[in-house]
C-alpha atoms as a PDB file:
ATOM      1  CA  MET A   1     -69.728  44.073 -96.097  1.00  0.00           C
ATOM      2  CA  TYR A   2     -68.130  44.905 -92.456  1.00  0.00           C
ATOM      3  CA  LEU A   3     -69.910  42.736 -90.279  1.00  0.00           C
ATOM      4  CA  LYS A   4     -71.823  39.315 -92.061  1.00  0.00           C
ATOM      5  CA  ASN A   5     -73.299  37.883 -89.355  1.00  0.00           C
ATOM      6  CA  LYS A   6     -70.805  37.951 -86.397  1.00  0.00           C
ATOM      7  CA  PRO A   7     -67.325  39.997 -86.439  1.00  0.00           C
ATOM      8  CA  VAL A   8     -64.228  38.848 -87.494  1.00  0.00           C
ATOM      9  CA  CYS A   9     -61.092  38.408 -85.207  1.00  0.00           C
ATOM     10  CA  THR A  10     -57.776  37.821 -87.756  1.00  0.00           C
ATOM     11  CA  ILE A  11     -54.969  36.372 -86.287  1.00  0.00           C
ATOM     12  CA  VAL A  12     -51.857  36.433 -88.036  1.00  0.00           C
ATOM     13  CA  GLY A  13     -49.042  33.841 -86.462  1.00  0.00           C
ATOM     14  CA  ALA A  14     -51.376  31.464 -84.625  1.00  0.00           C
ATOM     15  CA  GLY A  15     -49.623  29.578 -82.528  1.00  0.00           C
ATOM     16  CA  PRO A  16     -50.097  27.113 -79.427  1.00  0.00           C
ATOM     17  CA  GLY A  17     -50.034  29.861 -76.760  1.00  0.00           C
ATOM     18  CA  VAL A  18     -50.705  33.433 -76.926  1.00  0.00           C
ATOM     19  CA  GLY A  19     -52.261  32.749 -80.451  1.00  0.00           C
ATOM     20  CA  LEU A  20     -54.431  29.766 -79.731  1.00  0.00           C
ATOM     21  CA  SER A  21     -55.621  31.932 -75.957  1.00  0.00           C
ATOM     22  CA  VAL A  22     -56.786  35.056 -78.342  1.00  0.00           C
ATOM     23  CA  ALA A  23     -58.369  32.672 -80.564  1.00  0.00           C
ATOM     24  CA  LYS A  24     -60.539  31.202 -77.636  1.00  0.00           C
ATOM     25  CA  ARG A  25     -61.225  34.632 -75.751  1.00  0.00           C
ATOM     26  CA  PHE A  26     -62.478  36.426 -78.254  1.00  0.00           C
ATOM     27  CA  ALA A  27     -64.384  33.376 -79.890  1.00  0.00           C
ATOM     28  CA  LYS A  28     -65.964  33.843 -76.381  1.00  0.00           C
ATOM     29  CA  GLY A  29     -66.767  37.268 -77.063  1.00  0.00           C
ATOM     30  CA  GLY A  30     -69.058  36.518 -80.070  1.00  0.00           C
ATOM     31  CA  PHE A  31     -66.395  36.601 -82.758  1.00  0.00           C
ATOM     32  CA  ARG A  32     -65.675  34.264 -86.016  1.00  0.00           C
ATOM     33  CA  ILE A  33     -62.095  33.536 -85.796  1.00  0.00           C
ATOM     34  CA  ALA A  34     -59.891  33.207 -88.924  1.00  0.00           C
ATOM     35  CA  LEU A  35     -56.232  31.663 -88.362  1.00  0.00           C
ATOM     36  CA  ILE A  36     -53.385  32.415 -90.623  1.00  0.00           C
ATOM     37  CA  ALA A  37     -50.040  30.720 -90.135  1.00  0.00           C
ATOM     38  CA  ARG A  38     -47.479  28.586 -92.105  1.00  0.00           C
ATOM     39  CA  ARG A  39     -48.101  25.255 -90.798  1.00  0.00           C
ATOM     40  CA  ARG A  40     -51.158  23.641 -92.339  1.00  0.00           C
ATOM     41  CA  ASP A  41     -51.135  20.908 -89.803  1.00  0.00           C
ATOM     42  CA  MET A  42     -50.803  22.706 -86.882  1.00  0.00           C
ATOM     43  CA  LEU A  43     -54.134  24.944 -88.761  1.00  0.00           C
ATOM     44  CA  ASP A  44     -55.914  21.466 -88.727  1.00  0.00           C
ATOM     45  CA  GLU A  45     -55.248  21.037 -85.067  1.00  0.00           C
ATOM     46  CA  TYR A  46     -56.152  24.168 -83.968  1.00  0.00           C
ATOM     47  CA  LYS A  47     -59.440  24.242 -85.605  1.00  0.00           C
ATOM     48  CA  THR A  48     -60.340  20.773 -84.111  1.00  0.00           C
ATOM     49  CA  GLU A  49     -59.201  22.103 -81.000  1.00  0.00           C
ATOM     50  CA  LEU A  50     -61.667  25.185 -81.013  1.00  0.00           C
ATOM     51  CA  THR A  51     -64.308  24.029 -82.975  1.00  0.00           C
ATOM     52  CA  ARG A  52     -64.417  21.261 -79.941  1.00  0.00           C
ATOM     53  CA  GLN A  53     -65.128  24.292 -77.753  1.00  0.00           C
ATOM     54  CA  GLY A  54     -67.745  25.982 -79.477  1.00  0.00           C
ATOM     55  CA  ALA A  55     -66.095  28.142 -81.721  1.00  0.00           C
ATOM     56  CA  ASP A  56     -66.712  29.291 -85.153  1.00  0.00           C
ATOM     57  CA  VAL A  57     -63.138  28.743 -86.608  1.00  0.00           C
ATOM     58  CA  HIS A  58     -61.666  29.502 -90.537  1.00  0.00           C
ATOM     59  CA  VAL A  59     -57.829  28.546 -91.699  1.00  0.00           C
ATOM     60  CA  TYR A  60     -55.924  30.209 -94.128  1.00  0.00           C
ATOM     61  CA  HIS A  61     -52.107  29.536 -94.850  1.00  0.00           C
ATOM     62  CA  GLY A  62     -49.932  32.411 -95.039  1.00  0.00           C
ATOM     63  CA  ASP A  63     -46.262  33.419 -94.505  1.00  0.00           C
ATOM     64  CA  ALA A  64     -45.898  36.425 -92.435  1.00  0.00           C
ATOM     65  CA  GLY A  65     -42.694  36.965 -94.326  1.00  0.00           C
ATOM     66  CA  ASP A  66     -43.836  36.768 -97.695  1.00  0.00           C
ATOM     67  CA  PHE A  67     -46.301  39.544 -98.380  1.00  0.00           C
ATOM     68  CA  GLU A  68     -48.096  38.060-101.203  1.00  0.00           C
ATOM     69  CA  SER A  69     -48.817  35.452 -99.216  1.00  0.00           C
ATOM     70  CA  LEU A  70     -50.572  37.837 -96.784  1.00  0.00           C
ATOM     71  CA  ILE A  71     -52.334  39.665 -99.751  1.00  0.00           C
ATOM     72  CA  GLN A  72     -53.737  36.239-100.853  1.00  0.00           C
ATOM     73  CA  ALA A  73     -55.028  34.693 -97.267  1.00  0.00           C
ATOM     74  CA  PHE A  74     -56.515  38.478 -96.775  1.00  0.00           C
ATOM     75  CA  LYS A  75     -58.400  38.387 -99.912  1.00  0.00           C
ATOM     76  CA  ASN A  76     -59.346  34.243 -98.929  1.00  0.00           C
ATOM     77  CA  ILE A  77     -60.725  36.022 -95.652  1.00  0.00           C
ATOM     78  CA  GLN A  78     -62.619  39.306 -97.649  1.00  0.00           C
ATOM     79  CA  GLY A  79     -64.076  36.127 -99.737  1.00  0.00           C
ATOM     80  CA  THR A  80     -65.365  33.659 -97.048  1.00  0.00           C
ATOM     81  CA  LEU A  81     -66.034  35.610 -93.736  1.00  0.00           C
ATOM     82  CA  GLY A  82     -66.161  39.412 -95.131  1.00  0.00           C
ATOM     83  CA  ASP A  83     -63.891  42.407 -93.644  1.00  0.00           C
ATOM     84  CA  THR A  84     -61.819  41.500 -90.141  1.00  0.00           C
ATOM     85  CA  HIS A  85     -62.861  43.431 -87.161  1.00  0.00           C
ATOM     86  CA  VAL A  86     -60.038  43.010 -85.028  1.00  0.00           C
ATOM     87  CA  LEU A  87     -56.790  42.314 -86.344  1.00  0.00           C
ATOM     88  CA  VAL A  88     -54.183  40.652 -84.141  1.00  0.00           C
ATOM     89  CA  TYR A  89     -50.545  39.933 -85.432  1.00  0.00           C
ATOM     90  CA  ASN A  90     -48.673  37.251 -83.249  1.00  0.00           C
ATOM     91  CA  ALA A  91     -46.375  36.142 -86.068  1.00  0.00           C
ATOM     92  CA  ALA A  92     -42.398  36.516 -84.697  1.00  0.00           C
ATOM     93  CA  VAL A  93     -39.012  35.272 -85.434  1.00  0.00           C
ATOM     94  CA  LYS A  94     -37.034  34.393 -82.309  1.00  0.00           C
ATOM     95  CA  ARG A  95     -33.332  33.804 -82.677  1.00  0.00           C
ATOM     96  CA  SER A  96     -30.411  33.707 -80.528  1.00  0.00           C
ATOM     97  CA  SER A  97     -28.071  35.896 -82.306  1.00  0.00           C
ATOM     98  CA  LEU A  98     -25.136  38.286 -81.227  1.00  0.00           C
ATOM     99  CA  PRO A  99     -25.093  41.520 -83.055  1.00  0.00           C
ATOM    100  CA  SER A 100     -21.852  41.056 -84.465  1.00  0.00           C
ATOM    101  CA  GLU A 101     -22.766  37.677 -85.595  1.00  0.00           C
ATOM    102  CA  CYS A 102     -26.196  38.479 -87.244  1.00  0.00           C
ATOM    103  CA  SER A 103     -25.421  39.051 -90.958  1.00  0.00           C
ATOM    104  CA  PRO A 104     -27.555  42.100 -92.219  1.00  0.00           C
ATOM    105  CA  ALA A 105     -29.372  39.868 -94.693  1.00  0.00           C
ATOM    106  CA  ARG A 106     -30.572  37.749 -91.717  1.00  0.00           C
ATOM    107  CA  LEU A 107     -31.657  40.403 -89.861  1.00  0.00           C
ATOM    108  CA  LEU A 108     -33.660  41.743 -92.811  1.00  0.00           C
ATOM    109  CA  ASP A 109     -34.912  38.594 -93.098  1.00  0.00           C
ATOM    110  CA  ASP A 110     -36.361  38.716 -89.407  1.00  0.00           C
ATOM    111  CA  PHE A 111     -37.243  42.081 -89.817  1.00  0.00           C
ATOM    112  CA  LYS A 112     -39.716  41.244 -92.252  1.00  0.00           C
ATOM    113  CA  VAL A 113     -41.635  38.725 -89.933  1.00  0.00           C
ATOM    114  CA  ASN A 114     -41.001  40.603 -86.975  1.00  0.00           C
ATOM    115  CA  VAL A 115     -42.342  44.143 -88.294  1.00  0.00           C
ATOM    116  CA  GLY A 116     -43.154  43.888 -91.722  1.00  0.00           C
ATOM    117  CA  GLY A 117     -45.660  41.573 -91.701  1.00  0.00           C
ATOM    118  CA  ALA A 118     -47.588  43.612 -89.163  1.00  0.00           C
ATOM    119  CA  LEU A 119     -47.388  46.405 -91.281  1.00  0.00           C
ATOM    120  CA  GLN A 120     -48.343  44.653 -94.292  1.00  0.00           C
ATOM    121  CA  SER A 121     -51.456  42.998 -92.456  1.00  0.00           C
ATOM    122  CA  ALA A 122     -52.554  46.192 -90.763  1.00  0.00           C
ATOM    123  CA  GLN A 123     -52.663  47.874 -94.161  1.00  0.00           C
ATOM    124  CA  LEU A 124     -55.341  45.302 -95.234  1.00  0.00           C
ATOM    125  CA  VAL A 125     -57.738  45.742 -92.849  1.00  0.00           C
ATOM    126  CA  ILE A 126     -57.331  49.666 -92.292  1.00  0.00           C
ATOM    127  CA  PRO A 127     -59.330  50.776 -95.687  1.00  0.00           C
ATOM    128  CA  ALA A 128     -62.371  48.929 -94.149  1.00  0.00           C
ATOM    129  CA  MET A 129     -61.986  49.962 -90.422  1.00  0.00           C
ATOM    130  CA  LYS A 130     -61.347  53.507 -91.861  1.00  0.00           C
ATOM    131  CA  GLU A 131     -65.047  53.175 -94.162  1.00  0.00           C
ATOM    132  CA  ALA A 132     -66.826  51.755 -90.848  1.00  0.00           C
ATOM    133  CA  LYS A 133     -65.109  54.188 -88.622  1.00  0.00           C
ATOM    134  CA  LYS A 134     -64.332  51.455 -85.920  1.00  0.00           C
ATOM    135  CA  GLY A 135     -61.863  48.392 -85.333  1.00  0.00           C
ATOM    136  CA  THR A 136     -58.856  47.057 -83.197  1.00  0.00           C
ATOM    137  CA  ILE A 137     -55.109  46.316 -84.558  1.00  0.00           C
ATOM    138  CA  LEU A 138     -53.351  44.335 -81.606  1.00  0.00           C
ATOM    139  CA  PHE A 139     -49.764  43.487 -81.943  1.00  0.00           C
ATOM    140  CA  THR A 140     -47.802  40.804 -79.755  1.00  0.00           C
ATOM    141  CA  GLY A 141     -44.887  42.584 -78.547  1.00  0.00           C
ATOM    142  CA  GLY A 142     -42.244  41.286 -75.821  1.00  0.00           C
ATOM    143  CA  GLY A 143     -40.072  42.421 -73.053  1.00  0.00           C
ATOM    144  CA  LEU A 144     -36.497  42.770 -75.472  1.00  0.00           C
ATOM    145  CA  ALA A 145     -38.284  45.854 -76.575  1.00  0.00           C
ATOM    146  CA  LEU A 146     -37.387  47.344 -73.099  1.00  0.00           C
ATOM    147  CA  GLU A 147     -34.262  46.032 -72.466  1.00  0.00           C
ATOM    148  CA  PRO A 148     -32.794  44.388 -75.269  1.00  0.00           C
ATOM    149  CA  LEU A 149     -30.362  41.382 -74.638  1.00  0.00           C
ATOM    150  CA  PRO A 150     -26.952  40.816 -76.539  1.00  0.00           C
ATOM    151  CA  LEU A 151     -27.721  37.233 -77.235  1.00  0.00           C
ATOM    152  CA  PHE A 152     -30.930  38.220 -78.847  1.00  0.00           C
ATOM    153  CA  ALA A 153     -30.694  40.808 -80.843  1.00  0.00           C
ATOM    154  CA  SER A 154     -32.518  40.485 -83.599  1.00  0.00           C
ATOM    155  CA  THR A 155     -35.344  40.024 -82.041  1.00  0.00           C
ATOM    156  CA  ALA A 156     -34.959  42.607 -79.748  1.00  0.00           C
ATOM    157  CA  ILE A 157     -34.844  44.840 -82.789  1.00  0.00           C
ATOM    158  CA  GLY A 158     -37.965  43.468 -83.806  1.00  0.00           C
ATOM    159  CA  LYS A 159     -39.798  43.956 -80.975  1.00  0.00           C
ATOM    160  CA  ALA A 160     -38.436  47.455 -80.390  1.00  0.00           C
ATOM    161  CA  GLY A 161     -39.878  47.915 -84.449  1.00  0.00           C
ATOM    162  CA  ILE A 162     -43.511  46.333 -83.606  1.00  0.00           C
ATOM    163  CA  ARG A 163     -43.904  48.697 -80.528  1.00  0.00           C
ATOM    164  CA  SER A 164     -43.103  51.952 -82.780  1.00  0.00           C
ATOM    165  CA  LEU A 165     -45.118  50.465 -85.253  1.00  0.00           C
ATOM    166  CA  ALA A 166     -47.841  50.243 -82.825  1.00  0.00           C
ATOM    167  CA  HIS A 167     -47.430  53.452 -81.062  1.00  0.00           C
ATOM    168  CA  THR A 168     -47.473  55.488 -84.406  1.00  0.00           C
ATOM    169  CA  LEU A 169     -50.111  53.734 -85.925  1.00  0.00           C
ATOM    170  CA  PHE A 170     -51.983  54.728 -82.476  1.00  0.00           C
ATOM    171  CA  GLY A 171     -51.442  58.086 -83.095  1.00  0.00           C
ATOM    172  CA  GLU A 172     -52.394  57.922 -86.999  1.00  0.00           C
ATOM    173  CA  PHE A 173     -55.722  56.649 -86.378  1.00  0.00           C
ATOM    174  CA  LEU A 174     -56.509  57.975 -82.621  1.00  0.00           C
ATOM    175  CA  THR A 175     -59.438  60.246 -83.858  1.00  0.00           C
ATOM    176  CA  GLN A 176     -60.518  57.813 -86.828  1.00  0.00           C
ATOM    177  CA  GLY A 177     -62.083  54.906 -84.642  1.00  0.00           C
ATOM    178  CA  ILE A 178     -59.427  52.450 -85.330  1.00  0.00           C
ATOM    179  CA  HIS A 179     -57.454  51.380 -81.919  1.00  0.00           C
ATOM    180  CA  VAL A 180     -54.162  50.086 -82.668  1.00  0.00           C
ATOM    181  CA  ALA A 181     -52.267  49.208 -79.271  1.00  0.00           C
ATOM    182  CA  THR A 182     -49.349  46.179 -78.350  1.00  0.00           C
ATOM    183  CA  VAL A 183     -49.476  43.820 -75.503  1.00  0.00           C
ATOM    184  CA  THR A 184     -45.563  43.780 -74.458  1.00  0.00           C
ATOM    185  CA  ILE A 185     -45.258  40.436 -72.849  1.00  0.00           C
ATOM    186  CA  CYS A 186     -42.198  40.807 -70.187  1.00  0.00           C
ATOM    187  CA  GLY A 187     -41.539  36.957 -69.737  1.00  0.00           C
ATOM    188  CA  ILE A 188     -41.675  33.099 -70.587  1.00  0.00           C
ATOM    189  CA  VAL A 189     -45.241  32.530 -71.953  1.00  0.00           C
ATOM    190  CA  LYS A 190     -46.307  29.238 -70.050  1.00  0.00           C
ATOM    191  CA  PRO A 191     -49.601  27.811 -68.184  1.00  0.00           C
ATOM    192  CA  GLY A 192     -49.825  28.490 -64.914  1.00  0.00           C
ATOM    193  CA  THR A 193     -47.788  31.459 -64.196  1.00  0.00           C
ATOM    194  CA  LYS A 194     -48.704  34.973 -64.219  1.00  0.00           C
ATOM    195  CA  PHE A 195     -47.848  34.669 -67.813  1.00  0.00           C
ATOM    196  CA  ASP A 196     -50.266  32.260 -68.660  1.00  0.00           C
ATOM    197  CA  PRO A 197     -51.937  32.523 -71.977  1.00  0.00           C
ATOM    198  CA  ASP A 198     -54.959  32.514 -70.706  1.00  0.00           C
ATOM    199  CA  LEU A 199     -54.549  35.468 -68.581  1.00  0.00           C
ATOM    200  CA  ILE A 200     -52.446  37.350 -71.409  1.00  0.00           C
ATOM    201  CA  ALA A 201     -55.388  37.052 -73.916  1.00  0.00           C
ATOM    202  CA  GLU A 202     -57.624  38.970 -71.427  1.00  0.00           C
ATOM    203  CA  GLU A 203     -55.261  42.009 -71.593  1.00  0.00           C
ATOM    204  CA  TYR A 204     -55.991  41.701 -75.871  1.00  0.00           C
ATOM    205  CA  TRP A 205     -59.687  41.650 -74.852  1.00  0.00           C
ATOM    206  CA  LYS A 206     -59.263  44.243 -72.357  1.00  0.00           C
ATOM    207  CA  LEU A 207     -57.851  46.438 -74.774  1.00  0.00           C
ATOM    208  CA  HIS A 208     -60.725  45.479 -77.933  1.00  0.00           C
ATOM    209  CA  ILE A 209     -63.333  46.492 -75.246  1.00  0.00           C
ATOM    210  CA  GLN A 210     -62.164  49.997 -74.199  1.00  0.00           C
ATOM    211  CA  PRO A 211     -64.112  52.642 -75.351  1.00  0.00           C
ATOM    212  CA  GLN A 212     -62.667  55.217 -77.233  1.00  0.00           C
ATOM    213  CA  GLY A 213     -61.493  58.432 -75.148  1.00  0.00           C
ATOM    214  CA  LYS A 214     -59.764  55.959 -72.707  1.00  0.00           C
ATOM    215  CA  TRP A 215     -57.616  53.723 -75.282  1.00  0.00           C
ATOM    216  CA  GLU A 216     -54.358  52.674 -73.978  1.00  0.00           C
ATOM    217  CA  LYS A 217     -51.691  52.214 -76.906  1.00  0.00           C
ATOM    218  CA  GLU A 218     -49.913  49.161 -74.629  1.00  0.00           C
ATOM    219  CA  ILE A 219     -50.177  47.221 -71.891  1.00  0.00           C
ATOM    220  CA  ILE A 220     -47.156  45.619 -70.523  1.00  0.00           C
ATOM    221  CA  ILE A 221     -47.226  42.457 -68.557  1.00  0.00           C
ATOM    222  CA  ARG A 222     -44.245  42.143 -66.129  1.00  0.00           C
END
């Protein structure tokens, strides 16, 4: 069932910055919120905070780098809430590593979280969205995709990858009612600045409510 009372916004990689602010914004917009994260203790904290603000929140344990874990989390969401109407992928490994010093194995492990988990999550919600002929998939990107820095080679490669994934999915589903896009954040997320997470969350909402025919595949925040 695509809608069960209210639509569902699923956030993979729920965290105290962008993830939590996006959850608040979509809850305000009438969505039930499903949060997926590795740390159960933090999930409980987020649920308490969001519930206190009137949000309908449900939490699920899942590791973005463990695809079987993600599959199980989405099965649990399907069983309790129904299909996901909006997917936000916010998971990332932020690692300081020069390219000459980052082992291929470490790079691939990071890539599983930075890009692989995004692809897996998208593939888990796309079938229902295709059937319904509507849906939104949003990825959290970063400025390192545009201007990679040597000290953050692994993260830069991941952000370039998730940007390319968003753009290619955008093209694939442009005529099928599924809006795929990325929010590329070119700065450090911090309250009270132009990179305030609440301001950034408004950009996710803006992408979601764009009418088909005027869809953007990327918003860059500088």
